[in-house]
């Protein structure tokens, strides 16, 4: 695995689901483009990174909403991404008492990509790494990219969609074995490895082959670990609007920061790890400070600094 950028300036291929979140509440319906890979691609583009998304959307109204959202940040779509019979949706029905029930209509069936050496990094995550038949194709794409690009992975576990824990764990560990950088949340870590300490989970990720393992810890910040160094990065305190997309903003900024460095992730010292983590935490803080998955631009990150 390598982190040497294949392009200058760097460019990223993101592989994963794009969908429309539909919130049905007593006061009316609201729709938002969603999906963790979509959010990561959108966040990378907002930070000035040339980004392409391989996904599956239809030529329907929901697909048009997704296309418009991605286009507003300059994200390109990989050929074939718009040929699905329909665009996936996740419906949340909000009752009068505020409780929510969920209904998913998600199909994931992509072809593997023989990645040419034009991308600095290839990122995958979430449902796309677990839901067949597409998950196997995603791993084939990552395996093909590992020799020429930095491969990153964020499981972003959705228990209702990834199947039984043991099969999901097997898929997670197989995918980790293809990645140079793995980011997960403390909730992901607890679901995958119940009762395990965060450091034990990060050590397991490194043992499986990753060069850098990262765990976000909510209000406690983040933990970054290589085989040689481990650092804690404190959270940035901001008034919270909601936490939608915070982890995806963290992932986008983490990857963008890594691509700006000459040293591969495994060779970063404690100071470099802290600097990379601090920027990613700042990106997440900006996102939680406003409603919805609205990741920061590079200018907004600079203003926060």
C-alpha atoms as a PDB file:
ATOM      1  CA  UNK A   1       0.000   0.000   0.000  1.00  0.00           C
ATOM      2  CA  UNK A   2       1.196   3.500  -0.762  1.00  0.00           C
ATOM      3  CA  UNK A   3       0.235   7.058  -0.016  1.00  0.00           C
ATOM      4  CA  UNK A   4       2.294   8.674  -2.747  1.00  0.00           C
ATOM      5  CA  UNK A   5      -0.124  10.871  -4.702  1.00  0.00           C
ATOM      6  CA  UNK A   6      -0.617   9.614  -8.257  1.00  0.00           C
ATOM      7  CA  UNK A   7      -1.634  13.082  -9.413  1.00  0.00           C
ATOM      8  CA  UNK A   8      -0.562  16.623  -8.690  1.00  0.00           C
ATOM      9  CA  UNK A   9      -2.793  18.190  -7.534  1.00  0.00           C
ATOM     10  CA  UNK A  10      -4.289  15.142  -5.832  1.00  0.00           C
ATOM     11  CA  UNK A  11      -7.525  13.517  -6.940  1.00  0.00           C
ATOM     12  CA  UNK A  12      -9.764  10.970  -5.215  1.00  0.00           C
ATOM     13  CA  UNK A  13     -12.151   8.262  -6.323  1.00  0.00           C
ATOM     14  CA  UNK A  14     -14.936   7.568  -3.797  1.00  0.00           C
ATOM     15  CA  UNK A  15     -16.920   4.350  -4.182  1.00  0.00           C
ATOM     16  CA  UNK A  16     -20.244   3.949  -2.401  1.00  0.00           C
ATOM     17  CA  UNK A  17     -23.920   4.634  -2.051  1.00  0.00           C
ATOM     18  CA  UNK A  18     -25.764   7.854  -2.734  1.00  0.00           C
ATOM     19  CA  UNK A  19     -29.389   8.076  -1.715  1.00  0.00           C
ATOM     20  CA  UNK A  20     -32.133  10.446  -0.662  1.00  0.00           C
ATOM     21  CA  UNK A  21     -33.115  10.671   2.995  1.00  0.00           C
ATOM     22  CA  UNK A  22     -36.837  11.361   3.272  1.00  0.00           C
ATOM     23  CA  UNK A  23     -38.138  12.620   6.613  1.00  0.00           C
ATOM     24  CA  UNK A  24     -41.913  12.312   6.923  1.00  0.00           C
ATOM     25  CA  UNK A  25     -43.193  14.284   9.894  1.00  0.00           C
ATOM     26  CA  UNK A  26     -46.569  15.687  10.969  1.00  0.00           C
ATOM     27  CA  UNK A  27     -45.520  19.116   9.684  1.00  0.00           C
ATOM     28  CA  UNK A  28     -44.584  17.828   6.220  1.00  0.00           C
ATOM     29  CA  UNK A  29     -41.951  15.916   4.248  1.00  0.00           C
ATOM     30  CA  UNK A  30     -38.308  16.931   3.828  1.00  0.00           C
ATOM     31  CA  UNK A  31     -35.755  15.357   1.488  1.00  0.00           C
ATOM     32  CA  UNK A  32     -31.959  15.475   1.665  1.00  0.00           C
ATOM     33  CA  UNK A  33     -29.237  13.843  -0.452  1.00  0.00           C
ATOM     34  CA  UNK A  34     -27.402  11.384   1.792  1.00  0.00           C
ATOM     35  CA  UNK A  35     -25.191   8.357   2.158  1.00  0.00           C
ATOM     36  CA  UNK A  36     -21.795   8.382   3.843  1.00  0.00           C
ATOM     37  CA  UNK A  37     -19.739   8.002   0.610  1.00  0.00           C
ATOM     38  CA  UNK A  38     -21.726  10.801  -1.022  1.00  0.00           C
ATOM     39  CA  UNK A  39     -21.023  13.003   2.002  1.00  0.00           C
ATOM     40  CA  UNK A  40     -17.305  12.169   1.903  1.00  0.00           C
ATOM     41  CA  UNK A  41     -17.092  12.960  -1.821  1.00  0.00           C
ATOM     42  CA  UNK A  42     -18.986  16.218  -1.301  1.00  0.00           C
ATOM     43  CA  UNK A  43     -16.722  17.153   1.623  1.00  0.00           C
ATOM     44  CA  UNK A  44     -13.534  16.445  -0.345  1.00  0.00           C
ATOM     45  CA  UNK A  45     -14.707  18.589  -3.235  1.00  0.00           C
ATOM     46  CA  UNK A  46     -15.613  21.423  -0.845  1.00  0.00           C
ATOM     47  CA  UNK A  47     -12.013  21.272   0.376  1.00  0.00           C
ATOM     48  CA  UNK A  48     -10.695  21.718  -3.144  1.00  0.00           C
ATOM     49  CA  UNK A  49      -9.839  18.081  -3.925  1.00  0.00           C
ATOM     50  CA  UNK A  50     -10.761  16.848  -7.425  1.00  0.00           C
ATOM     51  CA  UNK A  51     -13.258  14.095  -6.616  1.00  0.00           C
ATOM     52  CA  UNK A  52     -15.102  11.426  -8.591  1.00  0.00           C
ATOM     53  CA  UNK A  53     -17.895   9.289  -7.122  1.00  0.00           C
ATOM     54  CA  UNK A  54     -18.820   5.823  -8.346  1.00  0.00           C
ATOM     55  CA  UNK A  55     -22.355   5.184  -7.146  1.00  0.00           C
ATOM     56  CA  UNK A  56     -25.767   3.991  -8.338  1.00  0.00           C
ATOM     57  CA  UNK A  57     -28.570   6.482  -8.875  1.00  0.00           C
ATOM     58  CA  UNK A  58     -31.483   6.566 -11.300  1.00  0.00           C
ATOM     59  CA  UNK A  59     -32.638   9.115 -13.832  1.00  0.00           C
ATOM     60  CA  UNK A  60     -35.559  10.032 -11.600  1.00  0.00           C
ATOM     61  CA  UNK A  61     -36.444  12.998  -9.400  1.00  0.00           C
ATOM     62  CA  UNK A  62     -34.417  11.657  -6.496  1.00  0.00           C
ATOM     63  CA  UNK A  63     -31.445  11.059  -8.760  1.00  0.00           C
ATOM     64  CA  UNK A  64     -31.735  14.608 -10.070  1.00  0.00           C
ATOM     65  CA  UNK A  65     -31.600  15.895  -6.505  1.00  0.00           C
ATOM     66  CA  UNK A  66     -28.438  13.889  -5.866  1.00  0.00           C
ATOM     67  CA  UNK A  67     -26.838  15.064  -9.127  1.00  0.00           C
ATOM     68  CA  UNK A  68     -27.598  18.684  -8.330  1.00  0.00           C
ATOM     69  CA  UNK A  69     -26.148  18.374  -4.847  1.00  0.00           C
ATOM     70  CA  UNK A  70     -22.921  16.769  -6.047  1.00  0.00           C
ATOM     71  CA  UNK A  71     -22.631  19.172  -8.953  1.00  0.00           C
ATOM     72  CA  UNK A  72     -22.831  22.165  -6.622  1.00  0.00           C
ATOM     73  CA  UNK A  73     -19.475  21.102  -5.153  1.00  0.00           C
ATOM     74  CA  UNK A  74     -17.959  19.937  -8.435  1.00  0.00           C
ATOM     75  CA  UNK A  75     -18.043  16.172  -7.798  1.00  0.00           C
ATOM     76  CA  UNK A  76     -17.829  14.144 -11.029  1.00  0.00           C
ATOM     77  CA  UNK A  77     -19.788  10.907 -11.481  1.00  0.00           C
ATOM     78  CA  UNK A  78     -18.045   7.758 -12.693  1.00  0.00           C
ATOM     79  CA  UNK A  79     -19.514   6.390 -15.948  1.00  0.00           C
ATOM     80  CA  UNK A  80     -22.473   4.124 -15.272  1.00  0.00           C
ATOM     81  CA  UNK A  81     -23.308   5.740 -11.928  1.00  0.00           C
ATOM     82  CA  UNK A  82     -26.606   7.107 -13.270  1.00  0.00           C
ATOM     83  CA  UNK A  83     -27.960   3.912 -14.839  1.00  0.00           C
ATOM     84  CA  UNK A  84     -29.788   2.385 -11.852  1.00  0.00           C
ATOM     85  CA  UNK A  85     -33.497   1.592 -12.281  1.00  0.00           C
ATOM     86  CA  UNK A  86     -34.233   3.988  -9.415  1.00  0.00           C
ATOM     87  CA  UNK A  87     -32.432   6.010  -6.761  1.00  0.00           C
ATOM     88  CA  UNK A  88     -32.148   4.459  -3.315  1.00  0.00           C
ATOM     89  CA  UNK A  89     -34.063   6.043  -0.437  1.00  0.00           C
ATOM     90  CA  UNK A  90     -34.170   5.934   3.347  1.00  0.00           C
ATOM     91  CA  UNK A  91     -37.508   7.016   4.802  1.00  0.00           C
ATOM     92  CA  UNK A  92     -37.804   8.163   8.407  1.00  0.00           C
ATOM     93  CA  UNK A  93     -41.396   8.464   9.643  1.00  0.00           C
ATOM     94  CA  UNK A  94     -41.675  10.789  12.630  1.00  0.00           C
ATOM     95  CA  UNK A  95     -44.715  10.276  14.834  1.00  0.00           C
ATOM     96  CA  UNK A  96     -46.583  12.919  16.794  1.00  0.00           C
ATOM     97  CA  UNK A  97     -44.637  11.865  19.898  1.00  0.00           C
ATOM     98  CA  UNK A  98     -41.305  12.357  18.116  1.00  0.00           C
ATOM     99  CA  UNK A  99     -40.459   8.666  17.755  1.00  0.00           C
ATOM    100  CA  UNK A 100     -39.116   7.505  14.387  1.00  0.00           C
ATOM    101  CA  UNK A 101     -39.517   4.367  12.323  1.00  0.00           C
ATOM    102  CA  UNK A 102     -37.333   3.666   9.292  1.00  0.00           C
ATOM    103  CA  UNK A 103     -37.878   2.085   5.892  1.00  0.00           C
ATOM    104  CA  UNK A 104     -35.017   1.474   3.452  1.00  0.00           C
ATOM    105  CA  UNK A 105     -35.124   0.914  -0.303  1.00  0.00           C
ATOM    106  CA  UNK A 106     -31.466   0.415  -1.168  1.00  0.00           C
ATOM    107  CA  UNK A 107     -29.924  -1.533  -4.036  1.00  0.00           C
ATOM    108  CA  UNK A 108     -26.167  -1.750  -4.509  1.00  0.00           C
ATOM    109  CA  UNK A 109     -24.830  -3.433  -7.640  1.00  0.00           C
ATOM    110  CA  UNK A 110     -21.725  -1.809  -9.115  1.00  0.00           C
ATOM    111  CA  UNK A 111     -18.994  -3.178 -11.355  1.00  0.00           C
ATOM    112  CA  UNK A 112     -15.399  -3.310 -10.116  1.00  0.00           C
ATOM    113  CA  UNK A 113     -13.097  -0.612 -11.472  1.00  0.00           C
ATOM    114  CA  UNK A 114      -9.616  -1.376 -12.757  1.00  0.00           C
ATOM    115  CA  UNK A 115      -8.312   1.879 -11.307  1.00  0.00           C
ATOM    116  CA  UNK A 116      -5.809   3.602 -13.585  1.00  0.00           C
ATOM    117  CA  UNK A 117      -2.965   5.529 -11.908  1.00  0.00           C
ATOM    118  CA  UNK A 118      -4.831   8.833 -12.126  1.00  0.00           C
ATOM    119  CA  UNK A 119      -6.198   8.874  -8.567  1.00  0.00           C
ATOM    120  CA  UNK A 120      -4.130   9.721  -5.520  1.00  0.00           C
ATOM    121  CA  UNK A 121      -6.559   7.875  -3.256  1.00  0.00           C
ATOM    122  CA  UNK A 122      -9.557   5.557  -3.417  1.00  0.00           C
ATOM    123  CA  UNK A 123     -12.078   5.687  -0.577  1.00  0.00           C
ATOM    124  CA  UNK A 124     -14.947   3.317   0.193  1.00  0.00           C
ATOM    125  CA  UNK A 125     -17.254   2.786   3.100  1.00  0.00           C
ATOM    126  CA  UNK A 126     -20.604   2.285   4.728  1.00  0.00           C
ATOM    127  CA  UNK A 127     -23.347   0.137   3.186  1.00  0.00           C
ATOM    128  CA  UNK A 128     -21.330  -0.253  -0.029  1.00  0.00           C
ATOM    129  CA  UNK A 129     -18.754  -2.408   1.755  1.00  0.00           C
ATOM    130  CA  UNK A 130     -21.346  -4.802   3.177  1.00  0.00           C
ATOM    131  CA  UNK A 131     -24.368  -5.032   0.862  1.00  0.00           C
ATOM    132  CA  UNK A 132     -24.089  -7.563  -1.951  1.00  0.00           C
ATOM    133  CA  UNK A 133     -23.740  -7.918  -4.840  1.00  0.00           C
ATOM    134  CA  UNK A 134     -21.852  -4.609  -4.875  1.00  0.00           C
ATOM    135  CA  UNK A 135     -19.655  -5.185  -1.807  1.00  0.00           C
ATOM    136  CA  UNK A 136     -17.555  -7.816  -3.547  1.00  0.00           C
ATOM    137  CA  UNK A 137     -17.028  -5.469  -6.496  1.00  0.00           C
ATOM    138  CA  UNK A 138     -15.967  -2.690  -4.099  1.00  0.00           C
ATOM    139  CA  UNK A 139     -13.289  -4.915  -2.579  1.00  0.00           C
ATOM    140  CA  UNK A 140     -12.020  -5.818  -6.042  1.00  0.00           C
ATOM    141  CA  UNK A 141     -11.691  -2.118  -6.833  1.00  0.00           C
ATOM    142  CA  UNK A 142      -9.797  -1.475  -3.599  1.00  0.00           C
ATOM    143  CA  UNK A 143      -7.495  -4.432  -4.219  1.00  0.00           C
ATOM    144  CA  UNK A 144      -6.690  -3.093  -7.675  1.00  0.00           C
ATOM    145  CA  UNK A 145      -5.969   0.385  -6.324  1.00  0.00           C
ATOM    146  CA  UNK A 146      -3.754  -0.662  -3.425  1.00  0.00           C
ATOM    147  CA  UNK A 147      -0.549  -0.684  -5.456  1.00  0.00           C
ATOM    148  CA  UNK A 148      -0.837   2.839  -6.828  1.00  0.00           C
ATOM    149  CA  UNK A 149      -3.085   4.874  -4.544  1.00  0.00           C
ATOM    150  CA  UNK A 150      -3.812   5.439  -0.885  1.00  0.00           C
ATOM    151  CA  UNK A 151      -6.815   3.251  -0.010  1.00  0.00           C
ATOM    152  CA  UNK A 152      -9.059   4.467   2.809  1.00  0.00           C
ATOM    153  CA  UNK A 153     -12.073   2.839   4.454  1.00  0.00           C
ATOM    154  CA  UNK A 154     -14.789   3.982   6.850  1.00  0.00           C
ATOM    155  CA  UNK A 155     -17.273   1.209   7.824  1.00  0.00           C
ATOM    156  CA  UNK A 156     -19.877   3.696   9.126  1.00  0.00           C
ATOM    157  CA  UNK A 157     -21.874   0.746  10.455  1.00  0.00           C
ATOM    158  CA  UNK A 158     -25.641   0.782   9.926  1.00  0.00           C
ATOM    159  CA  UNK A 159     -26.810  -2.262  11.938  1.00  0.00           C
ATOM    160  CA  UNK A 160     -30.175  -2.484  10.156  1.00  0.00           C
ATOM    161  CA  UNK A 161     -28.467  -2.837   6.774  1.00  0.00           C
ATOM    162  CA  UNK A 162     -25.180  -4.718   7.204  1.00  0.00           C
ATOM    163  CA  UNK A 163     -26.610  -8.088   8.245  1.00  0.00           C
ATOM    164  CA  UNK A 164     -25.606 -10.304  11.154  1.00  0.00           C
ATOM    165  CA  UNK A 165     -22.680  -9.048  13.217  1.00  0.00           C
ATOM    166  CA  UNK A 166     -20.399 -12.007  12.477  1.00  0.00           C
ATOM    167  CA  UNK A 167     -20.815 -11.760   8.707  1.00  0.00           C
ATOM    168  CA  UNK A 168     -20.445  -7.976   8.868  1.00  0.00           C
ATOM    169  CA  UNK A 169     -17.299  -8.359  10.969  1.00  0.00           C
ATOM    170  CA  UNK A 170     -15.841 -10.740   8.381  1.00  0.00           C
ATOM    171  CA  UNK A 171     -16.593  -8.226   5.603  1.00  0.00           C
ATOM    172  CA  UNK A 172     -15.112  -5.413   7.691  1.00  0.00           C
ATOM    173  CA  UNK A 173     -11.883  -7.282   8.384  1.00  0.00           C
ATOM    174  CA  UNK A 174     -11.493  -8.373   4.769  1.00  0.00           C
ATOM    175  CA  UNK A 175     -11.886  -4.770   3.627  1.00  0.00           C
ATOM    176  CA  UNK A 176      -9.486  -3.470   6.285  1.00  0.00           C
ATOM    177  CA  UNK A 177      -6.880  -5.820   4.846  1.00  0.00           C
ATOM    178  CA  UNK A 178      -7.008  -3.833   1.596  1.00  0.00           C
ATOM    179  CA  UNK A 179      -6.788  -0.357   3.178  1.00  0.00           C
ATOM    180  CA  UNK A 180      -3.918   1.854   4.246  1.00  0.00           C
ATOM    181  CA  UNK A 181      -6.092   4.119   6.419  1.00  0.00           C
ATOM    182  CA  UNK A 182      -9.153   3.009   8.381  1.00  0.00           C
ATOM    183  CA  UNK A 183     -11.412   5.402  10.249  1.00  0.00           C
ATOM    184  CA  UNK A 184     -14.275   4.269  12.457  1.00  0.00           C
ATOM    185  CA  UNK A 185     -16.384   5.752  15.238  1.00  0.00           C
ATOM    186  CA  UNK A 186     -16.494   4.577  18.824  1.00  0.00           C
ATOM    187  CA  UNK A 187     -20.016   3.287  18.079  1.00  0.00           C
ATOM    188  CA  UNK A 188     -18.682   1.294  15.110  1.00  0.00           C
ATOM    189  CA  UNK A 189     -15.931  -0.142  17.296  1.00  0.00           C
ATOM    190  CA  UNK A 190     -18.372  -1.200  20.016  1.00  0.00           C
ATOM    191  CA  UNK A 191     -20.738  -2.847  17.530  1.00  0.00           C
ATOM    192  CA  UNK A 192     -17.956  -4.729  15.759  1.00  0.00           C
ATOM    193  CA  UNK A 193     -15.990  -5.698  18.874  1.00  0.00           C
ATOM    194  CA  UNK A 194     -18.375  -5.523  21.862  1.00  0.00           C
ATOM    195  CA  UNK A 195     -16.679  -4.682  25.135  1.00  0.00           C
ATOM    196  CA  UNK A 196     -13.276  -3.990  23.568  1.00  0.00           C
ATOM    197  CA  UNK A 197     -11.217  -0.940  24.427  1.00  0.00           C
ATOM    198  CA  UNK A 198     -10.765   1.574  21.587  1.00  0.00           C
ATOM    199  CA  UNK A 199      -7.004   1.045  21.596  1.00  0.00           C
ATOM    200  CA  UNK A 200      -7.485  -2.713  21.319  1.00  0.00           C
ATOM    201  CA  UNK A 201      -9.740  -2.171  18.295  1.00  0.00           C
ATOM    202  CA  UNK A 202      -7.216   0.169  16.667  1.00  0.00           C
ATOM    203  CA  UNK A 203      -4.453  -2.361  17.327  1.00  0.00           C
ATOM    204  CA  UNK A 204      -6.576  -5.040  15.661  1.00  0.00           C
ATOM    205  CA  UNK A 205      -7.058  -2.802  12.618  1.00  0.00           C
ATOM    206  CA  UNK A 206      -3.287  -2.290  12.370  1.00  0.00           C
ATOM    207  CA  UNK A 207      -2.682  -6.025  12.739  1.00  0.00           C
ATOM    208  CA  UNK A 208      -5.045  -6.627   9.815  1.00  0.00           C
ATOM    209  CA  UNK A 209      -2.793  -4.501   7.600  1.00  0.00           C
ATOM    210  CA  UNK A 210      -3.723  -0.821   7.915  1.00  0.00           C
ATOM    211  CA  UNK A 211      -0.950   1.736   8.368  1.00  0.00           C
ATOM    212  CA  UNK A 212      -3.110   4.286  10.205  1.00  0.00           C
ATOM    213  CA  UNK A 213      -6.142   3.520  12.371  1.00  0.00           C
ATOM    214  CA  UNK A 214      -8.418   6.328  13.568  1.00  0.00           C
ATOM    215  CA  UNK A 215     -11.389   6.347  15.927  1.00  0.00           C
ATOM    216  CA  UNK A 216     -13.656   9.338  16.408  1.00  0.00           C
ATOM    217  CA  UNK A 217     -14.897   9.737  19.973  1.00  0.00           C
ATOM    218  CA  UNK A 218     -17.684  12.303  19.715  1.00  0.00           C
ATOM    219  CA  UNK A 219     -17.311  15.026  22.311  1.00  0.00           C
ATOM    220  CA  UNK A 220     -14.009  13.447  23.410  1.00  0.00           C
ATOM    221  CA  UNK A 221     -12.300  14.141  20.059  1.00  0.00           C
ATOM    222  CA  UNK A 222     -10.386  11.422  18.241  1.00  0.00           C
ATOM    223  CA  UNK A 223      -7.642   8.828  18.640  1.00  0.00           C
ATOM    224  CA  UNK A 224      -5.077   8.248  15.857  1.00  0.00           C
ATOM    225  CA  UNK A 225      -2.654   5.349  15.914  1.00  0.00           C
ATOM    226  CA  UNK A 226       0.129   3.919  13.761  1.00  0.00           C
ATOM    227  CA  UNK A 227       2.445   1.076  14.734  1.00  0.00           C
ATOM    228  CA  UNK A 228       4.911   3.617  16.143  1.00  0.00           C
ATOM    229  CA  UNK A 229       2.785   6.437  17.535  1.00  0.00           C
ATOM    230  CA  UNK A 230      -0.599   7.145  19.109  1.00  0.00           C
ATOM    231  CA  UNK A 231      -2.187  10.521  19.822  1.00  0.00           C
ATOM    232  CA  UNK A 232      -5.402  11.902  21.274  1.00  0.00           C
ATOM    233  CA  UNK A 233      -6.902  14.984  19.655  1.00  0.00           C
ATOM    234  CA  UNK A 234      -9.417  16.974  21.733  1.00  0.00           C
ATOM    235  CA  UNK A 235     -12.755  18.036  20.312  1.00  0.00           C
ATOM    236  CA  UNK A 236     -13.497  21.645  19.379  1.00  0.00           C
ATOM    237  CA  UNK A 237     -16.329  22.983  21.539  1.00  0.00           C
ATOM    238  CA  UNK A 238     -19.127  24.535  19.490  1.00  0.00           C
ATOM    239  CA  UNK A 239     -22.898  24.923  19.902  1.00  0.00           C
ATOM    240  CA  UNK A 240     -24.375  21.782  18.342  1.00  0.00           C
ATOM    241  CA  UNK A 241     -27.151  22.035  15.756  1.00  0.00           C
ATOM    242  CA  UNK A 242     -27.025  18.305  15.013  1.00  0.00           C
ATOM    243  CA  UNK A 243     -24.393  15.644  14.379  1.00  0.00           C
ATOM    244  CA  UNK A 244     -25.506  14.659  10.852  1.00  0.00           C
ATOM    245  CA  UNK A 245     -22.488  14.180   8.599  1.00  0.00           C
ATOM    246  CA  UNK A 246     -19.891  15.004  11.264  1.00  0.00           C
ATOM    247  CA  UNK A 247     -18.030  11.723  10.861  1.00  0.00           C
ATOM    248  CA  UNK A 248     -18.061  12.071   7.084  1.00  0.00           C
ATOM    249  CA  UNK A 249     -16.661  15.614   7.326  1.00  0.00           C
ATOM    250  CA  UNK A 250     -13.934  14.257   9.600  1.00  0.00           C
ATOM    251  CA  UNK A 251     -13.125  11.560   7.017  1.00  0.00           C
ATOM    252  CA  UNK A 252     -13.036  14.040   4.115  1.00  0.00           C
ATOM    253  CA  UNK A 253     -10.678  16.371   5.932  1.00  0.00           C
ATOM    254  CA  UNK A 254      -8.506  13.522   7.248  1.00  0.00           C
ATOM    255  CA  UNK A 255      -7.969  12.259   3.709  1.00  0.00           C
ATOM    256  CA  UNK A 256      -7.402  15.744   2.296  1.00  0.00           C
ATOM    257  CA  UNK A 257      -4.780  16.450   4.961  1.00  0.00           C
ATOM    258  CA  UNK A 258      -2.984  13.140   4.363  1.00  0.00           C
ATOM    259  CA  UNK A 259      -2.786  13.875   0.647  1.00  0.00           C
ATOM    260  CA  UNK A 260      -1.045  17.187   1.347  1.00  0.00           C
ATOM    261  CA  UNK A 261       1.846  15.447   3.135  1.00  0.00           C
ATOM    262  CA  UNK A 262       4.986  14.003   1.592  1.00  0.00           C
ATOM    263  CA  UNK A 263       5.296  11.206   4.165  1.00  0.00           C
ATOM    264  CA  UNK A 264       3.004   8.160   3.979  1.00  0.00           C
ATOM    265  CA  UNK A 265       0.652   7.649   6.955  1.00  0.00           C
ATOM    266  CA  UNK A 266       2.781   4.914   8.527  1.00  0.00           C
ATOM    267  CA  UNK A 267       5.746   7.353   8.773  1.00  0.00           C
ATOM    268  CA  UNK A 268       3.932  10.273  10.406  1.00  0.00           C
ATOM    269  CA  UNK A 269       5.296  11.201  13.811  1.00  0.00           C
ATOM    270  CA  UNK A 270       3.198  12.239  16.795  1.00  0.00           C
ATOM    271  CA  UNK A 271       3.262  15.932  15.873  1.00  0.00           C
ATOM    272  CA  UNK A 272       2.117  15.223  12.314  1.00  0.00           C
ATOM    273  CA  UNK A 273      -0.624  12.857  13.483  1.00  0.00           C
ATOM    274  CA  UNK A 274      -1.851  15.498  15.932  1.00  0.00           C
ATOM    275  CA  UNK A 275      -1.906  18.163  13.221  1.00  0.00           C
ATOM    276  CA  UNK A 276      -3.818  15.955  10.790  1.00  0.00           C
ATOM    277  CA  UNK A 277      -6.282  14.909  13.489  1.00  0.00           C
ATOM    278  CA  UNK A 278      -6.791  18.474  14.683  1.00  0.00           C
ATOM    279  CA  UNK A 279      -7.823  19.636  11.217  1.00  0.00           C
ATOM    280  CA  UNK A 280     -10.270  16.744  10.842  1.00  0.00           C
ATOM    281  CA  UNK A 281     -11.782  17.518  14.249  1.00  0.00           C
ATOM    282  CA  UNK A 282     -12.197  21.157  13.217  1.00  0.00           C
ATOM    283  CA  UNK A 283     -14.030  20.105  10.066  1.00  0.00           C
ATOM    284  CA  UNK A 284     -16.409  17.961  12.131  1.00  0.00           C
ATOM    285  CA  UNK A 285     -16.954  20.843  14.567  1.00  0.00           C
ATOM    286  CA  UNK A 286     -18.009  23.191  11.766  1.00  0.00           C
ATOM    287  CA  UNK A 287     -20.435  20.558  10.502  1.00  0.00           C
ATOM    288  CA  UNK A 288     -22.133  19.932  13.855  1.00  0.00           C
ATOM    289  CA  UNK A 289     -22.530  23.679  14.307  1.00  0.00           C
ATOM    290  CA  UNK A 290     -25.108  23.886  11.502  1.00  0.00           C
ATOM    291  CA  UNK A 291     -28.065  21.721  10.475  1.00  0.00           C
ATOM    292  CA  UNK A 292     -27.591  18.769   8.161  1.00  0.00           C
ATOM    293  CA  UNK A 293     -24.521  17.377   6.407  1.00  0.00           C
ATOM    294  CA  UNK A 294     -22.893  20.674   5.449  1.00  0.00           C
ATOM    295  CA  UNK A 295     -19.110  20.113   5.461  1.00  0.00           C
ATOM    296  CA  UNK A 296     -16.785  23.096   5.486  1.00  0.00           C
ATOM    297  CA  UNK A 297     -14.964  24.663   2.581  1.00  0.00           C
ATOM    298  CA  UNK A 298     -11.219  25.175   2.742  1.00  0.00           C
ATOM    299  CA  UNK A 299     -11.865  28.871   3.396  1.00  0.00           C
ATOM    300  CA  UNK A 300     -14.117  28.080   6.367  1.00  0.00           C
ATOM    301  CA  UNK A 301     -11.469  25.819   7.860  1.00  0.00           C
ATOM    302  CA  UNK A 302      -8.955  28.617   7.485  1.00  0.00           C
ATOM    303  CA  UNK A 303     -11.295  31.060   9.212  1.00  0.00           C
ATOM    304  CA  UNK A 304     -11.667  28.693  12.177  1.00  0.00           C
ATOM    305  CA  UNK A 305      -7.885  28.509  12.483  1.00  0.00           C
END
